[in-house]
Each structure stands twice: as structure tokens, then as C-alpha cells.
């Protein structure tokens, strides 16, 4: 006798022969622990019972009056509530054309009458168990998707809501490649005139990267607001020391972090894409980068700092590598020079105008393709 722990299964038999139904019912219920058989004598009844009871398997006779098994199977497969239920055809027809027609109608297997009870048990057990396993897996995936959707909402809630901090006006673009992102950014006003701005890109994709980015964000903001540390180099080294345990598997993150005072910016770049500065001298690329964080390297070495004036109407642009590395359907990426041209062509260089111009280019470039990497863009302007 076949058994499957404590699982219970329901099998629906649709056959106009009472003798056939009783035979199969007895074979299945006596030979399979936890299996219950429901029976009906025609296709119309079978369709109604299938919708009402949602059985794990349907055994369907082909030769029936009024509605044959092929028609019944077609109707089952066209109904969203029953289309996934496996159907095994029962028939005395044994020609290859008959079996092919059954498979084309949506059947998963075929039992030729008269059938050996051992064959019935083996096929019923295998298909019912497979269906239940697939259904459980699908339910699990749906639950994960729901949880990831919630996580995505939470992650978006962590992003800046106020688009003005002190005398900084900002706009941003945040396009994720999965349900959740390894990119994160923020602006922390630590008094009425000065702020810390940062952008983080954690290696990898998905849940692990998103959890790490959230932990880094929380740690960074705690260092600034609770410890009062505003030096970008010291902030980075504190993160490296205090979060070393989350990079046990070779993961790392790149980061740009800047202290913006009334007239200046002091910036450190840890393996991140080069920021872009727009001022009275035009558009400038802020080259210069140290090692990414997570390898335990930066805590023991001096870190380079870039200092520059940041006056009224000056613009600072931060972005992650997804902006220039994600590819379209032709496996092409947007050249960095193209991004610079787009920025340069914006007449009134407000944050929203720059973000809208790049966003429009991305939409046209990707068409309907989901980016394979997270894309984050932050534009700040001093007013």
C-alpha cells in the first residue's frame, strides 16, 4: 500500500460506467492511504464538481454520451480554476492517434482499459503527488512574492521624501532590477546648514543585497546622528569595522559619501562611479576612487578626499553603475558620454529636469526590458 505521510488527496472519476467507477474507487481507496475518490457519471457533472472540490487529479473516460472526454478536458483547461488539475484519460481506445489527441487536449497521462490495479495505483499516486508538490511550490512562490512586494514598499519608504534639505533641492530616480534593490541613498541634515549625502551599491542582487544595504544605511545614519561623526572617511571606516560580519561571503559595497557645508563639499569615493559636478566652469567629472568597503582594506589605509566649492546653482550628480552598464534587447548599454551629453543638453539644469531627461532616455533605451542591474540617480542643487 502506497502512503505519503499525513497528506490527503482527492481524486475525481468521470465515467458513465458505474462498474468502472466502482472498480477504480475501490482500487484507489484500498491501495493508497489518504486518497479519497469522488465519482460522477457525465462530463457536465464532472465540470461542476471539479470547480467546487478542486481535486488533485481527474480520471476521465473518453467515450461518454453527450460530451466526450476530449471536450470535457478542453473545458477544464480553459477554466482558470481547473486548468492546472492533471487529467488522466481512461479508454479502451489504444491507437496512437487516440492517445495523441488526449495529450493535445491537455491530458498528462493515459490508462488503457482494462487496466491492471498496480498501474492505476502507480499513475494516480505519481500524478496526484506531483500536482500537490507543484501547487505547494507555487503557493510558496506566491507568498515569497507577496513578502518581497512588502519589502519593496518598505525599501521605498526608506528613501528621501522631502526633496528639499536645508538649501539643497533634490530629485531622484530609483529603478530596481528585482523585487528589492541593493542600491540605497540618503541625505542626512546634521544641523540647519550642513548635510551628509551618500549613495551605496551592494554587490549582487535580490534579498541578500537589499538586507545588507538597509543595514548599512541604518549604521551610517546612526554614526552620523548618534555619534556625531561627520567626516566621510571616519564614517566609512566605522562602517567597515562595525559591519564586517555581514560580508563573510565575499560581498562588498561601493559608496560615495559627501559632507556638504555652507560653501564646500568634502567627498570620499569607495569604488563607486565618479560623481558629476556642474558649476560656473561647466560640467566636471570627479575622478578618483579608493577600494570598495567590505574587504577590510580601508580601515588601515589613508583615504583620498576630494574637496571643492559648492555654491548657489551648483549641481552634484550621484549614480550607480546600473545607469551605464544595464543593457537593452540588443545587448547594448548607454555610453557614459551619452549620459554627459543628455545632462549638458538640459537648458534649465534643475534636479527634476535632469532626472526627467535621463529617465526618458532610459525608457526609450530599454523599451520593455527589465534592467539586469539596479539603477539609482540622485541630483542635488544648491539654491
Protein backbone atom coordinates (compact mmCIF):
# COMPACT_ATOMS: atom_id res chain seq x y z
CA UNK A 1 0.00 0.00 0.00
CA UNK A 2 1.41 3.39 -1.06
CA UNK A 3 1.38 6.21 1.50
CA UNK A 4 2.53 9.83 1.65
CA UNK A 5 2.89 10.73 5.36
CA UNK A 6 -0.16 12.65 6.57
CA UNK A 7 -1.17 14.12 3.22
CA UNK A 8 -4.72 13.63 1.95
CA UNK A 9 -5.65 13.67 -1.73
CA UNK A 10 -8.90 13.91 -3.68
CA UNK A 11 -9.37 12.10 -6.99
CA UNK A 12 -12.35 12.76 -9.26
CA UNK A 13 -13.54 9.97 -11.61
CA UNK A 14 -15.70 10.99 -14.58
CA UNK A 15 -17.02 7.86 -16.28
CA UNK A 16 -20.51 6.85 -17.47
CA UNK A 17 -19.89 3.24 -16.39
CA UNK A 18 -20.89 2.55 -12.81
CA UNK A 19 -18.84 -0.65 -12.80
CA UNK A 20 -15.71 1.17 -13.95
CA UNK A 21 -16.18 3.87 -11.32
CA UNK A 22 -16.64 1.34 -8.51
CA UNK A 23 -13.63 -0.65 -9.65
CA UNK A 24 -11.28 2.34 -9.72
CA UNK A 25 -12.70 3.80 -6.50
CA UNK A 26 -12.07 0.51 -4.68
CA UNK A 27 -8.57 0.12 -6.13
CA UNK A 28 -7.53 3.66 -5.22
CA UNK A 29 -9.06 3.92 -1.74
CA UNK A 30 -7.89 0.43 -0.73
CA UNK A 31 -4.45 0.81 -2.25
CA UNK A 32 -3.49 4.41 -1.41
CA UNK A 33 -3.51 5.75 2.13
CA UNK A 34 -5.09 9.19 2.40
CA UNK A 35 -6.79 9.09 -1.01
CA UNK A 36 -10.50 9.90 -1.31
CA UNK A 37 -12.38 9.28 -4.56
CA UNK A 38 -15.32 11.37 -5.81
CA UNK A 39 -17.30 10.00 -8.74
CA UNK A 40 -19.73 11.26 -11.34
CA UNK A 41 -21.29 9.80 -14.47
CA UNK A 42 -21.04 12.55 -17.11
CA UNK A 43 -18.95 15.46 -18.24
CA UNK A 44 -21.32 18.22 -17.12
CA UNK A 45 -21.37 16.92 -13.56
CA UNK A 46 -17.61 16.47 -13.67
CA UNK A 47 -17.02 20.10 -14.66
CA UNK A 48 -19.17 21.36 -11.80
CA UNK A 49 -17.56 19.06 -9.23
CA UNK A 50 -14.06 19.94 -10.42
CA UNK A 51 -14.75 23.64 -9.89
CA UNK A 52 -16.37 23.05 -6.50
CA UNK A 53 -13.99 20.47 -5.00
CA UNK A 54 -10.66 21.30 -6.72
CA UNK A 55 -9.43 17.69 -6.78
CA UNK A 56 -5.75 16.78 -7.02
CA UNK A 57 -6.34 14.54 -10.04
CA UNK A 58 -9.08 13.77 -12.55
CA UNK A 59 -9.55 10.33 -14.15
CA UNK A 60 -11.57 11.00 -17.29
CA UNK A 61 -13.26 8.49 -19.58
CA UNK A 62 -13.14 9.35 -23.28
CA UNK A 63 -16.19 7.55 -24.69
CA UNK A 64 -19.20 9.12 -22.93
CA UNK A 65 -22.62 10.23 -24.23
CA UNK A 66 -23.48 13.91 -24.70
CA UNK A 67 -19.92 15.15 -24.06
CA UNK A 68 -16.82 13.07 -24.71
CA UNK A 69 -13.67 13.20 -22.60
CA UNK A 70 -11.71 15.34 -25.08
CA UNK A 71 -14.37 18.06 -24.88
CA UNK A 72 -14.52 17.87 -21.09
CA UNK A 73 -10.74 18.15 -20.85
CA UNK A 74 -10.72 21.16 -23.16
CA UNK A 75 -13.30 22.92 -20.99
CA UNK A 76 -11.30 22.11 -17.84
CA UNK A 77 -8.16 23.57 -19.37
CA UNK A 78 -9.97 26.74 -20.46
CA UNK A 79 -11.24 27.43 -16.94
CA UNK A 80 -8.69 29.27 -14.74
CA UNK A 81 -9.99 27.46 -11.65
CA UNK A 82 -9.40 23.96 -13.07
CA UNK A 83 -6.78 24.31 -15.81
CA UNK A 84 -3.87 23.19 -13.61
CA UNK A 85 -5.55 19.99 -12.36
CA UNK A 86 -3.89 16.98 -14.05
CA UNK A 87 -6.13 14.79 -16.20
CA UNK A 88 -5.50 11.09 -16.89
CA UNK A 89 -7.61 9.67 -19.72
CA UNK A 90 -9.32 6.29 -19.32
CA UNK A 91 -10.22 4.46 -22.51
CA UNK A 92 -10.38 1.17 -24.31
CA UNK A 93 -9.03 3.07 -27.33
CA UNK A 94 -5.37 2.21 -27.71
CA UNK A 95 -4.43 3.62 -31.11
CA UNK A 96 -1.59 6.13 -31.09
CA UNK A 97 -3.89 8.73 -32.69
CA UNK A 98 -6.31 8.45 -29.75
CA UNK A 99 -3.54 8.91 -27.21
CA UNK A 100 -2.08 11.84 -29.15
CA UNK A 101 -5.48 13.52 -29.25
CA UNK A 102 -5.75 13.12 -25.48
CA UNK A 103 -2.39 14.77 -24.89
CA UNK A 104 -3.28 17.58 -27.28
CA UNK A 105 -6.48 18.17 -25.32
CA UNK A 106 -4.41 18.71 -22.16
CA UNK A 107 -4.14 15.25 -20.59
CA UNK A 108 -0.97 14.31 -18.71
CA UNK A 109 -1.28 10.54 -18.98
CA UNK A 110 -3.33 7.71 -20.46
CA UNK A 111 -4.57 4.45 -18.94
CA UNK A 112 -5.87 1.82 -21.34
CA UNK A 113 -8.81 -0.29 -20.18
CA UNK A 114 -8.84 -2.87 -18.80
CA UNK A 115 -6.06 -1.62 -16.53
CA UNK A 116 -4.00 -3.52 -14.00
CA UNK A 117 -4.69 -2.18 -10.47
CA UNK A 118 -0.94 -1.75 -9.93
CA UNK A 119 -0.74 0.55 -12.96
CA UNK A 120 -3.72 2.58 -11.73
CA UNK A 121 -2.16 3.00 -8.28
CA UNK A 122 1.25 3.95 -9.62
CA UNK A 123 -0.07 6.56 -12.05
CA UNK A 124 -2.62 8.05 -9.65
CA UNK A 125 -0.09 8.28 -6.83
CA UNK A 126 2.61 9.84 -9.03
CA UNK A 127 0.43 12.48 -10.69
CA UNK A 128 -1.52 13.48 -7.58
CA UNK A 129 1.67 13.82 -5.58
CA UNK A 130 3.39 15.80 -8.34
CA UNK A 131 0.42 18.17 -8.64
CA UNK A 132 0.30 18.75 -4.89
CA UNK A 133 4.07 19.37 -4.81
CA UNK A 134 3.85 21.84 -7.68
CA UNK A 135 0.86 23.55 -6.10
CA UNK A 136 2.69 23.85 -2.76
CA UNK A 137 5.73 25.26 -4.55
CA UNK A 138 3.57 27.77 -6.42
CA UNK A 139 1.85 28.81 -3.18
CA UNK A 140 5.28 29.23 -1.58
CA UNK A 141 6.49 31.35 -4.52
CA UNK A 142 3.36 33.50 -4.29
CA UNK A 143 3.95 34.04 -0.57
CA UNK A 144 7.55 35.00 -1.26
CA UNK A 145 6.40 37.41 -3.98
CA UNK A 146 3.94 38.99 -1.54
CA UNK A 147 6.64 39.34 1.09
CA UNK A 148 9.05 40.79 -1.46
CA UNK A 149 6.39 43.27 -2.54
CA UNK A 150 6.06 44.37 1.07
CA UNK A 151 9.85 44.57 1.36
CA UNK A 152 9.92 46.72 -1.77
CA UNK A 153 7.40 49.11 -0.25
CA UNK A 154 9.44 49.27 2.96
CA UNK A 155 12.61 49.94 0.97
CA UNK A 156 11.00 52.78 -0.95
CA UNK A 157 9.83 54.23 2.36
CA UNK A 158 13.49 54.48 3.40
CA UNK A 159 14.24 56.85 0.53
CA UNK A 160 14.09 60.65 0.98
CA UNK A 161 10.55 62.02 0.96
CA UNK A 162 11.45 65.65 1.46
CA UNK A 163 13.02 66.91 -1.77
CA UNK A 164 14.48 69.92 -0.01
CA UNK A 165 17.01 69.68 2.84
CA UNK A 166 18.49 72.93 4.14
CA UNK A 167 19.41 74.83 0.96
CA UNK A 168 19.66 71.67 -1.15
CA UNK A 169 16.99 70.85 -3.73
CA UNK A 170 16.98 67.25 -4.94
CA UNK A 171 15.30 64.78 -7.27
CA UNK A 172 15.98 61.08 -7.73
CA UNK A 173 15.39 58.02 -9.87
CA UNK A 174 15.25 54.55 -8.31
CA UNK A 175 14.66 51.66 -10.73
CA UNK A 176 15.17 48.17 -9.35
CA UNK A 177 16.10 45.03 -11.27
CA UNK A 178 14.45 42.58 -8.83
CA UNK A 179 11.70 42.96 -6.26
CA UNK A 180 14.16 44.65 -3.94
CA UNK A 181 17.36 46.58 -4.54
CA UNK A 182 20.96 46.56 -3.35
CA UNK A 183 21.14 50.31 -4.02
CA UNK A 184 20.30 52.82 -1.32
CA UNK A 185 20.96 56.51 -0.77
CA UNK A 186 20.10 59.28 1.63
CA UNK A 187 20.59 62.87 2.75
CA UNK A 188 21.17 63.47 6.46
CA UNK A 189 20.94 67.05 7.73
CA UNK A 190 23.03 67.06 10.91
CA UNK A 191 22.32 70.71 11.62
CA UNK A 192 20.45 73.57 9.93
CA UNK A 193 23.23 74.30 7.44
CA UNK A 194 25.19 71.09 6.82
CA UNK A 195 24.34 67.62 5.48
CA UNK A 196 25.77 64.21 4.75
CA UNK A 197 24.86 62.79 1.34
CA UNK A 198 25.60 59.18 0.41
CA UNK A 199 24.89 56.55 -2.22
CA UNK A 200 25.54 52.83 -1.74
CA UNK A 201 25.61 49.94 -4.21
CA UNK A 202 25.89 46.48 -2.65
CA UNK A 203 27.29 43.67 -4.80
CA UNK A 204 24.84 41.08 -6.06
CA UNK A 205 21.09 41.36 -6.41
CA UNK A 206 17.93 40.38 -4.58
CA UNK A 207 17.08 39.89 -0.94
CA UNK A 208 20.60 39.48 0.48
CA UNK A 209 21.83 42.67 -1.17
CA UNK A 210 18.73 44.57 -0.07
CA UNK A 211 19.13 43.46 3.55
CA UNK A 212 22.78 44.47 3.52
CA UNK A 213 22.05 47.87 2.01
CA UNK A 214 19.39 48.52 4.64
CA UNK A 215 21.78 47.55 7.46
CA UNK A 216 24.48 49.81 6.02
CA UNK A 217 22.04 52.71 5.78
CA UNK A 218 20.94 52.25 9.38
CA UNK A 219 24.53 52.01 10.60
CA UNK A 220 25.64 55.06 8.62
CA UNK A 221 22.82 57.23 9.87
CA UNK A 222 23.42 56.05 13.43
CA UNK A 223 27.10 57.01 13.17
CA UNK A 224 26.16 60.49 12.00
CA UNK A 225 23.18 61.23 14.21
CA UNK A 226 24.05 59.29 17.39
CA UNK A 227 27.83 59.57 17.45
CA UNK A 228 28.02 62.98 15.79
CA UNK A 229 30.65 61.83 13.28
CA UNK A 230 30.51 63.79 10.02
CA UNK A 231 33.91 63.14 8.46
CA UNK A 232 33.25 60.92 5.40
CA UNK A 233 36.45 58.93 5.88
CA UNK A 234 35.76 58.17 9.54
CA UNK A 235 32.14 57.25 8.77
CA UNK A 236 33.30 54.74 6.15
CA UNK A 237 35.91 53.22 8.43
CA UNK A 238 33.36 52.87 11.25
CA UNK A 239 31.02 51.03 8.88
CA UNK A 240 33.85 48.73 7.76
CA UNK A 241 34.71 47.89 11.38
CA UNK A 242 31.19 47.51 12.77
CA UNK A 243 29.57 45.61 9.88
CA UNK A 244 32.43 43.30 8.90
CA UNK A 245 30.30 40.28 9.87
CA UNK A 246 27.80 40.79 7.03
CA UNK A 247 30.50 40.46 4.36
CA UNK A 248 31.55 36.90 5.25
CA UNK A 249 30.81 35.54 1.76
CA UNK A 250 32.89 37.94 -0.30
CA UNK A 251 30.15 40.55 -0.67
CA UNK A 252 31.13 44.21 -0.66
CA UNK A 253 29.68 47.60 -1.47
CA UNK A 254 30.73 50.76 -3.25
CA UNK A 255 29.85 54.13 -1.79
CA UNK A 256 30.11 57.83 -2.43
CA UNK A 257 29.73 59.87 0.74
CA UNK A 258 29.98 63.64 0.98
CA UNK A 259 29.84 66.25 3.71
CA UNK A 260 28.13 69.33 2.28
CA UNK A 261 28.70 72.51 4.25
CA UNK A 262 27.58 76.07 3.51
CA UNK A 263 30.09 76.58 0.72
CA UNK A 264 32.01 73.36 0.19
CA UNK A 265 31.82 69.62 -0.38
CA UNK A 266 34.23 67.08 1.08
CA UNK A 267 33.76 63.77 -0.74
CA UNK A 268 35.12 60.23 -0.50
CA UNK A 269 34.59 57.62 -3.19
CA UNK A 270 34.93 53.92 -2.35
CA UNK A 271 34.91 52.11 -5.69
CA UNK A 272 31.77 53.90 -6.84
CA UNK A 273 31.06 55.55 -10.19
CA UNK A 274 32.55 59.01 -10.49
CA UNK A 275 30.22 61.85 -9.43
CA UNK A 276 29.45 64.71 -11.80
CA UNK A 277 29.69 68.37 -10.77
CA UNK A 278 28.12 71.28 -12.65
CA UNK A 279 29.25 74.78 -11.70
CA UNK A 280 30.23 78.06 -13.30
CA UNK A 281 33.14 76.28 -15.01
CA UNK A 282 30.85 73.80 -16.72
CA UNK A 283 30.47 70.06 -16.29
CA UNK A 284 33.22 68.24 -14.42
CA UNK A 285 33.82 64.56 -13.69
CA UNK A 286 35.14 63.97 -10.17
CA UNK A 287 37.65 61.20 -10.75
CA UNK A 288 39.49 59.38 -8.00
CA UNK A 289 38.38 56.32 -6.07
CA UNK A 290 39.52 54.08 -3.21
CA UNK A 291 38.79 50.41 -2.54
CA UNK A 292 35.18 49.23 -2.05
CA UNK A 293 34.09 48.54 1.52
CA UNK A 294 33.74 45.02 2.89
CA UNK A 295 37.20 43.63 2.17
CA UNK A 296 38.69 45.03 5.38
CA UNK A 297 41.19 47.15 3.45
CA UNK A 298 40.26 50.80 4.00
CA UNK A 299 40.36 50.70 7.80
CA UNK A 300 44.18 50.57 7.77
CA UNK A 301 45.00 52.98 4.94
CA UNK A 302 44.58 56.72 4.37
CA UNK A 303 41.57 57.60 2.22
CA UNK A 304 41.64 60.22 -0.53
CA UNK A 305 39.27 63.16 -0.17
CA UNK A 306 38.02 65.43 -2.90
CA UNK A 307 37.22 68.98 -1.79
CA UNK A 308 35.57 71.63 -3.92
CA UNK A 309 33.40 74.72 -3.65
CA UNK A 310 29.68 74.13 -3.86
CA UNK A 311 27.91 77.43 -4.31
CA UNK A 312 24.48 78.64 -5.32
CA UNK A 313 23.16 76.97 -8.50
CA UNK A 314 25.90 74.32 -8.43
CA UNK A 315 24.71 70.76 -9.11
CA UNK A 316 26.07 67.43 -7.84
CA UNK A 317 25.02 64.17 -9.52
CA UNK A 318 25.48 60.73 -7.97
CA UNK A 319 24.51 57.45 -9.67
CA UNK A 320 25.14 53.72 -9.55
CA UNK A 321 26.80 51.67 -12.28
CA UNK A 322 23.47 50.25 -13.44
CA UNK A 323 22.86 53.55 -15.25
CA UNK A 324 25.69 52.93 -17.73
CA UNK A 325 26.01 49.14 -17.56
CA UNK A 326 22.48 47.79 -17.93
CA UNK A 327 21.81 46.53 -21.46
CA UNK A 328 18.83 46.68 -23.81
CA UNK A 329 17.35 43.99 -26.05
CA UNK A 330 20.30 44.36 -28.43
CA UNK A 331 22.78 43.82 -25.58
CA UNK A 332 23.95 47.46 -25.78
CA UNK A 333 24.50 49.81 -22.85
CA UNK A 334 24.21 53.59 -22.65
CA UNK A 335 27.71 55.08 -23.01
CA UNK A 336 28.81 57.36 -20.18
CA UNK A 337 29.45 60.06 -22.79
CA UNK A 338 25.78 59.83 -23.80
CA UNK A 339 24.74 60.49 -20.21
CA UNK A 340 27.03 63.54 -20.13
CA UNK A 341 25.53 64.78 -23.41
CA UNK A 342 22.00 64.43 -22.03
CA UNK A 343 22.91 66.37 -18.90
CA UNK A 344 24.66 69.03 -20.95
CA UNK A 345 21.65 69.43 -23.25
CA UNK A 346 19.26 70.25 -20.38
CA UNK A 347 18.75 74.01 -20.61
CA UNK A 348 17.44 74.74 -17.13
CA UNK A 349 19.53 72.38 -15.02
CA UNK A 350 17.14 71.79 -12.15
CA UNK A 351 17.21 68.38 -10.44
CA UNK A 352 13.83 67.40 -11.81
CA UNK A 353 14.73 68.40 -15.38
CA UNK A 354 17.98 66.40 -15.29
CA UNK A 355 16.29 63.32 -13.80
CA UNK A 356 13.43 63.53 -16.28
CA UNK A 357 15.82 63.78 -19.24
CA UNK A 358 17.84 60.73 -18.16
CA UNK A 359 14.69 58.81 -17.23
CA UNK A 360 13.25 59.48 -20.69
CA UNK A 361 16.44 58.21 -22.32
CA UNK A 362 16.37 55.06 -20.17
CA UNK A 363 12.76 54.34 -21.04
CA UNK A 364 13.43 54.74 -24.76
CA UNK A 365 16.61 52.68 -24.49
CA UNK A 366 15.23 49.73 -22.52
CA UNK A 367 11.77 49.75 -24.16
CA UNK A 368 10.00 46.97 -22.23
CA UNK A 369 13.09 45.23 -20.83
CA UNK A 370 13.62 44.99 -17.08
CA UNK A 371 17.13 46.25 -16.23
CA UNK A 372 19.51 43.49 -15.09
CA UNK A 373 21.06 45.84 -12.53
CA UNK A 374 19.56 48.37 -10.13
CA UNK A 375 19.63 51.95 -11.41
CA UNK A 376 19.84 54.84 -8.96
CA UNK A 377 20.32 58.53 -9.74
CA UNK A 378 20.42 61.44 -7.28
CA UNK A 379 20.67 65.08 -8.38
CA UNK A 380 21.27 67.86 -5.83
CA UNK A 381 21.31 71.59 -6.47
CA UNK A 382 22.27 74.34 -4.05
CA UNK A 383 19.72 77.15 -4.04
